[in-house]
N, C-alpha and C. Protein backbone atom coordinates (compact mmCIF):
# COMPACT_ATOMS: atom_id res chain seq x y z
N MET A 1 0.84 -1.13 -0.01
CA MET A 1 -0.07 -0.01 -0.05
C MET A 1 0.92 1.27 0.00
N ALA A 2 0.47 2.21 -0.74
CA ALA A 2 1.27 3.36 -0.93
C ALA A 2 1.27 4.30 0.35
N GLU A 3 2.20 4.95 0.71
CA GLU A 3 2.23 5.75 1.89
C GLU A 3 1.53 7.02 1.62
N ARG A 4 0.85 7.57 2.64
CA ARG A 4 0.07 8.67 2.59
C ARG A 4 1.04 9.94 2.57
N LEU A 5 0.95 10.94 1.70
CA LEU A 5 1.74 12.09 1.52
C LEU A 5 0.99 13.33 2.00
N VAL A 6 -0.30 13.38 1.72
CA VAL A 6 -0.97 14.62 2.05
C VAL A 6 -0.84 14.90 3.68
N GLY A 7 -0.53 16.14 3.94
CA GLY A 7 -0.38 16.61 5.28
C GLY A 7 1.01 16.31 5.88
N ARG A 8 1.81 15.86 5.00
CA ARG A 8 3.22 15.58 5.50
C ARG A 8 4.23 16.38 4.64
N PRO A 9 5.46 16.47 5.14
CA PRO A 9 6.50 17.24 4.43
C PRO A 9 6.71 16.59 3.10
N ALA A 10 6.84 17.44 2.07
CA ALA A 10 7.11 16.91 0.73
C ALA A 10 8.53 16.15 0.69
N PRO A 11 8.64 15.09 0.03
CA PRO A 11 9.96 14.58 -0.08
C PRO A 11 10.97 15.42 -0.75
N ASP A 12 12.09 15.51 -0.24
CA ASP A 12 13.07 16.48 -0.83
C ASP A 12 13.57 16.03 -2.25
N PHE A 13 13.90 16.94 -3.04
CA PHE A 13 14.48 16.54 -4.37
C PHE A 13 15.42 17.57 -4.87
N SER A 14 16.28 17.07 -5.81
CA SER A 14 17.09 18.04 -6.50
C SER A 14 17.39 17.36 -7.88
N MET A 15 17.01 18.07 -8.96
CA MET A 15 17.09 17.50 -10.24
C MET A 15 17.53 18.52 -11.23
N GLU A 16 18.31 18.08 -12.28
CA GLU A 16 18.62 18.90 -13.51
C GLU A 16 17.45 19.14 -14.24
N THR A 17 17.37 20.31 -14.79
CA THR A 17 16.19 20.77 -15.67
C THR A 17 16.60 21.37 -16.95
N ALA A 18 15.58 21.28 -17.81
CA ALA A 18 15.57 22.05 -19.11
C ALA A 18 14.63 23.22 -18.88
N THR A 19 15.19 24.48 -19.18
CA THR A 19 14.33 25.61 -18.88
C THR A 19 13.28 25.75 -20.00
N GLY A 20 12.18 26.33 -19.76
CA GLY A 20 11.19 26.47 -20.67
C GLY A 20 11.50 27.25 -21.93
N ASN A 21 12.67 27.95 -21.82
CA ASN A 21 13.02 28.59 -23.13
C ASN A 21 13.64 27.70 -24.22
N GLY A 22 13.93 26.46 -23.76
CA GLY A 22 14.40 25.52 -24.74
C GLY A 22 15.99 25.65 -24.96
N GLN A 23 16.65 26.55 -24.30
CA GLN A 23 18.00 26.81 -24.57
C GLN A 23 18.90 26.39 -23.37
N ASP A 24 18.46 26.69 -22.20
CA ASP A 24 19.38 26.61 -21.12
C ASP A 24 18.94 25.33 -20.17
N PHE A 25 19.92 25.06 -19.31
CA PHE A 25 19.68 23.99 -18.33
C PHE A 25 19.81 24.63 -16.96
N GLY A 26 19.24 24.01 -15.97
CA GLY A 26 19.28 24.47 -14.64
C GLY A 26 19.23 23.41 -13.68
N THR A 27 18.80 23.65 -12.53
CA THR A 27 18.56 22.61 -11.42
C THR A 27 17.20 23.17 -10.72
N ALA A 28 16.62 22.24 -10.10
CA ALA A 28 15.48 22.53 -9.25
C ALA A 28 15.54 21.68 -8.04
N SER A 29 15.30 22.30 -6.88
CA SER A 29 15.19 21.59 -5.58
C SER A 29 14.04 22.05 -4.89
N LEU A 30 13.57 21.21 -3.97
CA LEU A 30 12.39 21.70 -3.13
C LEU A 30 12.68 22.92 -2.41
N ALA A 31 13.99 23.19 -1.98
CA ALA A 31 14.33 24.38 -1.31
C ALA A 31 14.10 25.62 -2.14
N ASP A 32 14.17 25.46 -3.37
CA ASP A 32 13.98 26.57 -4.37
C ASP A 32 12.61 27.20 -4.30
N TYR A 33 11.72 26.34 -3.81
CA TYR A 33 10.25 26.86 -3.82
C TYR A 33 9.77 27.21 -2.44
N LYS A 34 10.74 27.20 -1.45
CA LYS A 34 10.24 27.52 -0.12
C LYS A 34 9.68 29.05 -0.13
N GLY A 35 8.57 29.09 0.53
CA GLY A 35 7.90 30.42 0.64
C GLY A 35 6.96 30.61 -0.47
N LYS A 36 6.85 29.65 -1.49
CA LYS A 36 5.81 29.75 -2.54
C LYS A 36 5.08 28.47 -2.61
N TRP A 37 3.94 28.57 -3.16
CA TRP A 37 3.20 27.35 -3.54
C TRP A 37 3.91 26.72 -4.80
N LEU A 38 3.73 25.34 -4.84
CA LEU A 38 4.29 24.57 -5.95
C LEU A 38 3.38 23.56 -6.53
N VAL A 39 3.15 23.56 -7.79
CA VAL A 39 2.42 22.50 -8.42
C VAL A 39 3.54 21.63 -9.07
N LEU A 40 3.74 20.52 -8.50
CA LEU A 40 4.71 19.53 -8.95
C LEU A 40 3.94 18.37 -9.68
N PHE A 41 4.28 18.24 -11.00
CA PHE A 41 3.45 17.24 -11.69
C PHE A 41 4.42 16.22 -12.40
N PHE A 42 4.07 15.03 -12.41
CA PHE A 42 4.85 14.05 -13.08
C PHE A 42 4.05 13.48 -14.26
N TYR A 43 4.80 13.17 -15.31
CA TYR A 43 4.21 12.69 -16.52
C TYR A 43 5.06 11.49 -16.91
N PRO A 44 4.63 10.58 -17.77
CA PRO A 44 5.37 9.28 -18.07
C PRO A 44 6.60 9.56 -18.94
N LEU A 45 6.57 10.14 -20.05
CA LEU A 45 7.68 10.24 -20.96
C LEU A 45 7.55 11.43 -21.99
N ASP A 46 8.65 12.01 -22.39
CA ASP A 46 8.65 12.92 -23.47
C ASP A 46 8.29 12.25 -24.80
N PHE A 47 7.76 13.08 -25.71
CA PHE A 47 7.39 12.70 -27.07
C PHE A 47 6.30 11.62 -27.02
N THR A 48 5.30 11.77 -26.13
CA THR A 48 4.12 10.82 -26.07
C THR A 48 3.05 11.75 -26.51
N PHE A 49 1.82 11.23 -26.34
CA PHE A 49 0.50 11.87 -26.91
C PHE A 49 -0.24 12.57 -25.89
N VAL A 50 -0.52 12.11 -24.71
CA VAL A 50 -1.38 12.96 -23.81
C VAL A 50 -0.54 13.94 -23.18
N CYS A 51 0.72 13.66 -22.93
CA CYS A 51 1.57 14.63 -22.14
C CYS A 51 1.60 16.02 -22.69
N PRO A 52 1.79 16.20 -23.96
CA PRO A 52 1.94 17.60 -24.48
C PRO A 52 0.61 18.34 -24.23
N THR A 53 -0.52 17.66 -24.24
CA THR A 53 -1.69 18.49 -24.02
C THR A 53 -1.84 19.04 -22.62
N GLU A 54 -1.35 18.19 -21.67
CA GLU A 54 -1.29 18.76 -20.25
C GLU A 54 -0.27 19.78 -20.05
N ILE A 55 0.96 19.45 -20.57
CA ILE A 55 2.20 20.39 -20.39
C ILE A 55 1.87 21.81 -20.94
N THR A 56 1.31 21.81 -22.21
CA THR A 56 1.14 23.12 -22.85
C THR A 56 -0.11 23.76 -22.23
N ALA A 57 -1.09 23.09 -21.71
CA ALA A 57 -2.18 23.72 -21.05
C ALA A 57 -1.80 24.31 -19.74
N LEU A 58 -0.85 23.64 -18.99
CA LEU A 58 -0.32 24.29 -17.69
C LEU A 58 0.53 25.41 -18.05
N SER A 59 1.26 25.40 -19.14
CA SER A 59 2.10 26.55 -19.47
C SER A 59 1.20 27.71 -19.84
N SER A 60 0.09 27.50 -20.60
CA SER A 60 -0.80 28.57 -20.94
C SER A 60 -1.46 29.23 -19.77
N ALA A 61 -1.64 28.46 -18.65
CA ALA A 61 -2.24 28.92 -17.50
C ALA A 61 -1.26 29.39 -16.51
N ALA A 62 0.06 29.42 -16.91
CA ALA A 62 1.08 29.87 -15.85
C ALA A 62 0.94 31.16 -15.28
N ALA A 63 0.45 32.13 -16.01
CA ALA A 63 0.22 33.49 -15.45
C ALA A 63 -0.82 33.45 -14.33
N GLU A 64 -1.83 32.58 -14.54
CA GLU A 64 -2.96 32.49 -13.48
C GLU A 64 -2.36 31.92 -12.12
N PHE A 65 -1.46 30.98 -12.37
CA PHE A 65 -0.78 30.33 -11.21
C PHE A 65 0.15 31.43 -10.56
N LYS A 66 0.85 32.14 -11.39
CA LYS A 66 1.84 33.21 -10.83
C LYS A 66 1.07 34.14 -9.97
N LYS A 67 -0.19 34.55 -10.38
CA LYS A 67 -0.95 35.44 -9.64
C LYS A 67 -1.33 34.91 -8.24
N LEU A 68 -1.23 33.60 -8.05
CA LEU A 68 -1.53 32.87 -6.88
C LEU A 68 -0.26 32.58 -6.15
N ASP A 69 0.90 33.26 -6.47
CA ASP A 69 2.13 32.94 -5.96
C ASP A 69 2.49 31.51 -6.02
N THR A 70 2.29 30.87 -7.10
CA THR A 70 2.59 29.51 -7.42
C THR A 70 3.43 29.23 -8.51
N GLU A 71 4.44 28.35 -8.37
CA GLU A 71 5.22 27.93 -9.30
C GLU A 71 4.88 26.61 -9.92
N ILE A 72 5.32 26.19 -11.13
CA ILE A 72 5.04 24.88 -11.69
C ILE A 72 6.29 24.26 -12.02
N LEU A 73 6.42 22.92 -11.86
CA LEU A 73 7.52 22.12 -12.16
C LEU A 73 7.08 20.73 -12.72
N GLY A 74 7.48 20.45 -13.98
CA GLY A 74 7.09 19.17 -14.51
C GLY A 74 8.27 18.22 -14.41
N VAL A 75 7.99 16.96 -14.28
CA VAL A 75 8.97 15.98 -13.95
C VAL A 75 8.74 14.67 -14.85
N SER A 76 9.69 14.07 -15.51
CA SER A 76 9.67 12.70 -16.01
C SER A 76 10.96 12.03 -15.86
N VAL A 77 11.09 10.83 -16.27
CA VAL A 77 12.24 10.09 -16.20
C VAL A 77 13.27 10.31 -17.30
N ASP A 78 12.82 11.20 -18.20
CA ASP A 78 13.76 11.52 -19.40
C ASP A 78 14.85 12.41 -18.94
N SER A 79 15.90 12.52 -19.71
CA SER A 79 17.07 13.32 -19.48
C SER A 79 16.71 14.85 -19.83
N LYS A 80 17.55 15.75 -19.28
CA LYS A 80 17.33 17.19 -19.55
C LYS A 80 17.57 17.49 -21.02
N HIS A 81 18.33 16.57 -21.74
CA HIS A 81 18.50 16.74 -23.10
C HIS A 81 17.32 16.41 -23.98
N SER A 82 16.59 15.37 -23.51
CA SER A 82 15.41 14.91 -24.18
C SER A 82 14.28 16.06 -23.92
N HIS A 83 14.28 16.61 -22.71
CA HIS A 83 13.30 17.59 -22.39
C HIS A 83 13.53 18.89 -23.32
N ARG A 84 14.79 19.31 -23.54
CA ARG A 84 15.17 20.35 -24.28
C ARG A 84 14.78 20.25 -25.83
N ALA A 85 15.07 18.93 -26.25
CA ALA A 85 14.72 18.53 -27.67
C ALA A 85 13.21 18.68 -27.84
N TRP A 86 12.36 18.27 -26.87
CA TRP A 86 10.94 18.32 -26.93
C TRP A 86 10.47 19.64 -26.88
N ILE A 87 11.01 20.52 -26.07
CA ILE A 87 10.57 21.95 -26.07
C ILE A 87 10.88 22.62 -27.43
N ASN A 88 12.01 22.20 -28.06
CA ASN A 88 12.35 22.71 -29.29
C ASN A 88 11.66 22.14 -30.48
N THR A 89 10.93 21.10 -30.31
CA THR A 89 10.14 20.62 -31.42
C THR A 89 8.80 21.25 -31.63
N PRO A 90 8.47 21.62 -32.81
CA PRO A 90 7.31 22.48 -33.06
C PRO A 90 6.02 21.69 -32.51
N VAL A 91 5.10 22.36 -32.13
CA VAL A 91 3.83 21.84 -31.59
C VAL A 91 3.19 20.92 -32.56
N ASN A 92 3.13 21.31 -33.86
CA ASN A 92 2.45 20.51 -34.87
C ASN A 92 3.27 19.14 -35.20
N ASP A 93 4.42 19.00 -34.66
CA ASP A 93 5.19 17.84 -34.85
C ASP A 93 5.28 17.04 -33.47
N ASN A 94 4.23 17.20 -32.62
CA ASN A 94 4.12 16.59 -31.34
C ASN A 94 5.07 17.17 -30.36
N GLY A 95 5.65 18.37 -30.55
CA GLY A 95 6.47 19.04 -29.63
C GLY A 95 5.68 19.93 -28.67
N LEU A 96 6.45 20.63 -27.79
CA LEU A 96 5.89 21.51 -26.84
C LEU A 96 5.90 23.03 -27.18
N GLY A 97 6.99 23.42 -27.85
CA GLY A 97 7.21 24.87 -27.95
C GLY A 97 7.71 25.37 -26.57
N GLN A 98 8.02 26.62 -26.60
CA GLN A 98 8.50 27.23 -25.27
C GLN A 98 7.47 27.10 -24.17
N LEU A 99 7.99 26.89 -23.03
CA LEU A 99 7.02 26.78 -21.90
C LEU A 99 7.38 27.80 -20.87
N GLU A 100 6.48 28.08 -19.92
CA GLU A 100 6.56 29.07 -18.87
C GLU A 100 7.16 28.41 -17.57
N PHE A 101 7.66 27.25 -17.60
CA PHE A 101 8.28 26.55 -16.42
C PHE A 101 9.17 25.42 -16.93
N PRO A 102 10.11 24.99 -15.99
CA PRO A 102 11.08 24.01 -16.49
C PRO A 102 10.53 22.56 -16.43
N LEU A 103 11.17 21.72 -17.10
CA LEU A 103 11.00 20.30 -17.05
C LEU A 103 12.17 19.64 -16.23
N ALA A 104 11.94 18.92 -15.27
CA ALA A 104 13.00 18.33 -14.46
C ALA A 104 13.32 16.83 -14.93
N ALA A 105 14.50 16.50 -14.89
CA ALA A 105 14.96 15.15 -15.27
C ALA A 105 15.15 14.26 -14.05
N ASP A 106 14.26 13.26 -13.88
CA ASP A 106 14.36 12.26 -12.75
C ASP A 106 15.02 11.00 -13.28
N ILE A 107 16.16 11.05 -13.86
CA ILE A 107 16.86 9.88 -14.48
C ILE A 107 17.00 8.68 -13.55
N THR A 108 17.21 8.96 -12.23
CA THR A 108 17.41 7.87 -11.31
C THR A 108 16.03 7.31 -10.90
N LYS A 109 14.92 7.95 -11.28
CA LYS A 109 13.56 7.54 -10.78
C LYS A 109 13.30 7.65 -9.38
N SER A 110 14.24 8.24 -8.58
CA SER A 110 14.14 8.40 -7.14
C SER A 110 13.05 9.32 -6.71
N VAL A 111 12.83 10.38 -7.45
CA VAL A 111 11.86 11.38 -7.09
C VAL A 111 10.45 10.77 -7.34
N ALA A 112 10.27 10.16 -8.40
CA ALA A 112 9.01 9.54 -8.68
C ALA A 112 8.71 8.46 -7.69
N ARG A 113 9.74 7.72 -7.35
CA ARG A 113 9.55 6.69 -6.35
C ARG A 113 9.18 7.24 -5.04
N ASP A 114 9.89 8.33 -4.56
CA ASP A 114 9.59 9.00 -3.28
C ASP A 114 8.22 9.62 -3.19
N TYR A 115 7.66 10.03 -4.39
CA TYR A 115 6.36 10.50 -4.40
C TYR A 115 5.26 9.52 -4.72
N GLY A 116 5.77 8.18 -4.78
CA GLY A 116 4.74 7.16 -4.92
C GLY A 116 4.15 7.04 -6.31
N VAL A 117 4.73 7.57 -7.27
CA VAL A 117 4.01 7.55 -8.57
C VAL A 117 4.84 6.65 -9.67
N LEU A 118 5.89 6.03 -9.28
CA LEU A 118 6.81 5.16 -10.20
C LEU A 118 6.17 3.85 -10.36
N ILE A 119 5.97 3.59 -11.67
CA ILE A 119 5.67 2.18 -12.05
C ILE A 119 6.98 1.43 -12.27
N GLU A 120 7.38 0.69 -11.15
CA GLU A 120 8.61 0.06 -11.24
C GLU A 120 8.85 -0.79 -12.41
N GLU A 121 7.89 -1.66 -12.82
CA GLU A 121 8.05 -2.59 -13.84
C GLU A 121 8.28 -2.01 -15.18
N GLU A 122 7.77 -0.74 -15.36
CA GLU A 122 7.87 0.04 -16.55
C GLU A 122 8.90 0.99 -16.57
N GLY A 123 9.41 1.45 -15.38
CA GLY A 123 10.39 2.52 -15.22
C GLY A 123 9.92 3.86 -15.61
N ILE A 124 8.58 4.18 -15.49
CA ILE A 124 8.02 5.48 -15.88
C ILE A 124 7.04 5.83 -14.74
N ALA A 125 6.72 7.15 -14.74
CA ALA A 125 5.83 7.69 -13.71
C ALA A 125 4.40 7.64 -14.21
N LEU A 126 3.45 7.49 -13.23
CA LEU A 126 2.07 7.76 -13.46
C LEU A 126 1.95 9.24 -13.58
N ARG A 127 0.66 9.60 -13.85
CA ARG A 127 0.35 11.03 -13.94
C ARG A 127 -0.01 11.47 -12.45
N GLY A 128 0.95 11.99 -11.77
CA GLY A 128 0.76 12.43 -10.44
C GLY A 128 0.95 13.88 -10.29
N LEU A 129 0.09 14.56 -9.61
CA LEU A 129 0.11 16.06 -9.36
C LEU A 129 -0.02 16.33 -7.88
N PHE A 130 0.95 17.12 -7.39
CA PHE A 130 1.00 17.45 -6.02
C PHE A 130 1.05 18.91 -5.88
N ILE A 131 0.28 19.49 -4.88
CA ILE A 131 0.25 20.82 -4.50
C ILE A 131 0.95 21.00 -3.20
N ILE A 132 2.03 21.66 -3.15
CA ILE A 132 2.92 21.82 -1.96
C ILE A 132 2.77 23.23 -1.43
N ASN A 133 2.58 23.47 -0.20
CA ASN A 133 2.40 24.79 0.35
C ASN A 133 3.73 25.46 0.58
N PRO A 134 3.75 26.77 0.93
CA PRO A 134 5.04 27.42 1.05
C PRO A 134 5.88 26.93 2.21
N GLU A 135 5.38 26.24 3.13
CA GLU A 135 6.10 25.58 4.22
C GLU A 135 6.65 24.21 3.77
N GLY A 136 6.41 23.76 2.58
CA GLY A 136 6.93 22.56 2.05
C GLY A 136 6.08 21.21 2.39
N GLU A 137 4.80 21.45 2.78
CA GLU A 137 4.02 20.33 3.05
C GLU A 137 3.06 20.08 1.89
N ILE A 138 2.77 18.83 1.59
CA ILE A 138 1.92 18.42 0.62
C ILE A 138 0.47 18.65 1.12
N GLN A 139 -0.27 19.43 0.34
CA GLN A 139 -1.70 19.64 0.62
C GLN A 139 -2.71 18.94 -0.26
N TYR A 140 -2.19 18.44 -1.37
CA TYR A 140 -3.13 17.82 -2.35
C TYR A 140 -2.29 16.92 -3.26
N GLN A 141 -2.86 15.76 -3.55
CA GLN A 141 -2.33 14.87 -4.53
C GLN A 141 -3.35 14.16 -5.40
N VAL A 142 -3.16 14.05 -6.58
CA VAL A 142 -4.06 13.26 -7.37
C VAL A 142 -3.08 12.42 -8.38
N VAL A 143 -3.49 11.21 -8.54
CA VAL A 143 -2.64 10.28 -9.35
C VAL A 143 -3.54 9.50 -10.16
N ASN A 144 -3.37 9.45 -11.49
CA ASN A 144 -4.23 8.72 -12.32
C ASN A 144 -3.49 8.01 -13.33
N HIS A 145 -4.17 7.10 -14.14
CA HIS A 145 -3.67 6.30 -15.13
C HIS A 145 -3.04 7.17 -16.21
N ASN A 146 -2.12 6.66 -16.93
CA ASN A 146 -1.43 7.43 -17.85
C ASN A 146 -2.23 7.74 -19.16
N ASN A 147 -3.39 7.11 -19.39
CA ASN A 147 -4.08 7.40 -20.62
C ASN A 147 -5.12 8.56 -20.41
N VAL A 148 -5.24 9.11 -19.31
CA VAL A 148 -6.14 10.18 -18.92
C VAL A 148 -5.36 11.45 -18.41
N GLY A 149 -5.62 12.54 -19.20
CA GLY A 149 -4.94 13.82 -18.74
C GLY A 149 -5.72 14.51 -17.53
N ARG A 150 -5.03 15.37 -16.89
CA ARG A 150 -5.53 16.07 -15.78
C ARG A 150 -6.24 17.41 -16.18
N SER A 151 -6.89 18.00 -15.21
CA SER A 151 -7.60 19.21 -15.46
C SER A 151 -6.80 20.45 -14.88
N VAL A 152 -6.46 21.46 -15.77
CA VAL A 152 -5.83 22.58 -15.24
C VAL A 152 -6.86 23.41 -14.45
N GLU A 153 -8.10 23.52 -14.82
CA GLU A 153 -9.14 24.30 -14.16
C GLU A 153 -9.27 23.62 -12.70
N GLU A 154 -9.30 22.32 -12.52
CA GLU A 154 -9.50 21.82 -11.27
C GLU A 154 -8.30 22.01 -10.42
N THR A 155 -7.12 21.94 -10.99
CA THR A 155 -5.87 22.27 -10.25
C THR A 155 -5.93 23.73 -9.70
N LEU A 156 -6.35 24.58 -10.55
CA LEU A 156 -6.47 26.08 -10.07
C LEU A 156 -7.51 26.13 -8.96
N ARG A 157 -8.70 25.53 -9.10
CA ARG A 157 -9.75 25.58 -8.12
C ARG A 157 -9.30 25.05 -6.77
N VAL A 158 -8.65 23.90 -6.80
CA VAL A 158 -8.32 23.24 -5.56
C VAL A 158 -7.04 24.17 -4.93
N LEU A 159 -6.15 24.72 -5.71
CA LEU A 159 -5.21 25.66 -5.13
C LEU A 159 -5.86 26.84 -4.48
N GLN A 160 -6.80 27.38 -5.14
CA GLN A 160 -7.47 28.53 -4.63
C GLN A 160 -8.26 28.17 -3.35
N ALA A 161 -8.84 27.08 -3.29
CA ALA A 161 -9.53 26.56 -2.16
C ALA A 161 -8.57 26.40 -0.99
N LEU A 162 -7.45 25.75 -1.26
CA LEU A 162 -6.41 25.56 -0.23
C LEU A 162 -5.90 26.90 0.32
N GLN A 163 -5.69 27.82 -0.60
CA GLN A 163 -5.26 29.17 -0.21
C GLN A 163 -6.30 30.04 0.57
N SER A 164 -7.53 29.66 0.29
CA SER A 164 -8.63 30.36 0.95
C SER A 164 -8.69 30.33 2.37
N GLY A 165 -8.12 29.14 2.92
CA GLY A 165 -8.07 28.95 4.44
C GLY A 165 -9.37 28.56 5.08
N GLY A 166 -10.36 28.29 4.30
CA GLY A 166 -11.64 28.01 4.91
C GLY A 166 -12.03 26.55 4.54
N LEU A 167 -13.22 26.17 5.10
CA LEU A 167 -13.88 24.95 4.74
C LEU A 167 -14.64 25.03 3.46
N CYS A 168 -14.09 24.37 2.42
CA CYS A 168 -14.68 24.60 1.11
C CYS A 168 -15.61 23.32 0.70
N PRO A 169 -16.89 23.55 0.41
CA PRO A 169 -17.73 22.43 0.08
C PRO A 169 -17.46 21.94 -1.36
N ILE A 170 -18.14 20.95 -1.80
CA ILE A 170 -17.92 20.41 -3.12
C ILE A 170 -18.16 21.51 -4.19
N ASN A 171 -17.42 21.54 -5.20
CA ASN A 171 -17.52 22.51 -6.35
C ASN A 171 -17.31 23.94 -5.89
N TRP A 172 -16.76 24.15 -4.69
CA TRP A 172 -16.45 25.43 -4.26
C TRP A 172 -15.68 26.32 -5.33
N LYS A 173 -15.88 27.50 -5.53
CA LYS A 173 -15.18 28.41 -6.36
C LYS A 173 -14.84 29.64 -5.72
N PRO A 174 -13.76 30.36 -6.05
CA PRO A 174 -13.39 31.65 -5.42
C PRO A 174 -14.63 32.57 -5.47
N GLY A 175 -14.79 33.29 -4.24
CA GLY A 175 -15.92 34.16 -4.07
C GLY A 175 -17.13 33.61 -3.42
N GLN A 176 -17.10 32.20 -3.42
CA GLN A 176 -18.24 31.47 -2.73
C GLN A 176 -17.91 31.49 -1.23
N SER A 177 -19.04 31.26 -0.50
CA SER A 177 -18.92 31.18 1.02
C SER A 177 -18.19 29.90 1.39
N HIS A 178 -17.58 29.95 2.58
CA HIS A 178 -16.99 28.73 3.24
C HIS A 178 -18.05 28.08 4.08
N LEU A 179 -17.92 26.85 4.38
CA LEU A 179 -18.72 26.27 5.39
C LEU A 179 -18.41 26.73 6.77
N VAL A 180 -19.29 26.80 7.68
CA VAL A 180 -19.06 27.24 9.08
C VAL A 180 -19.16 25.91 9.92
N ALA A 181 -18.06 25.71 10.70
CA ALA A 181 -18.00 24.53 11.58
C ALA A 181 -18.90 24.77 12.73
N LYS A 182 -19.64 23.79 13.09
CA LYS A 182 -20.55 23.99 14.25
C LYS A 182 -20.11 23.24 15.47
C-alpha cells in the first residue's frame, strides 16, 4: 500500500532541468520553492501523446498560477537533453514549444519513487500532481492512469480553495462562501 503524503512534508528533491526557453539547463530543488506554492506534476515520458496536451495547457495557465504565488515544475524520467529537444520541437510535430516553467529530469527515478508514482516494472511515472504549500507540506495529490490527462481548471480551483483557508464544500469556487463549523 502506498504511503500517505498529504499533510506531510514533501519528499526532498534536486534534479537537473531544461528551462522553458528550450536553450538553457538548470537545477530545481524543493528548497528553491520555499515560501511559494508549488504544483509539482509527473508525466510518463517525453514525445508521447497525452503529455503535451497537459504540459502546454499548464504553460498557457502559468500566469494564473503566478498570480496565486505558485510555481510549476514538470517531471519525467527522461534526460534534460530529451526535455530540451521536446521543447524545441514544433507543436504540430508533437513538440511542446517554449514553456513558462522548467521540466526536470528524474533519471534515477528516485523522485517519482519518493512521491509514490513510479511504475517500477515499466520504469516510468504515473500522472501524479502534488500541490505543496510554502512551508513544504503536501496539501493535495491526485494520481491517475497514464491514458487520462488532468484538469488545469480543477488544479487552479483546488489551489485557490487551499489558499482560501476555509472549509470549502464540493464544487467551491473563489468568491463563494465557506462552510461554518458547528
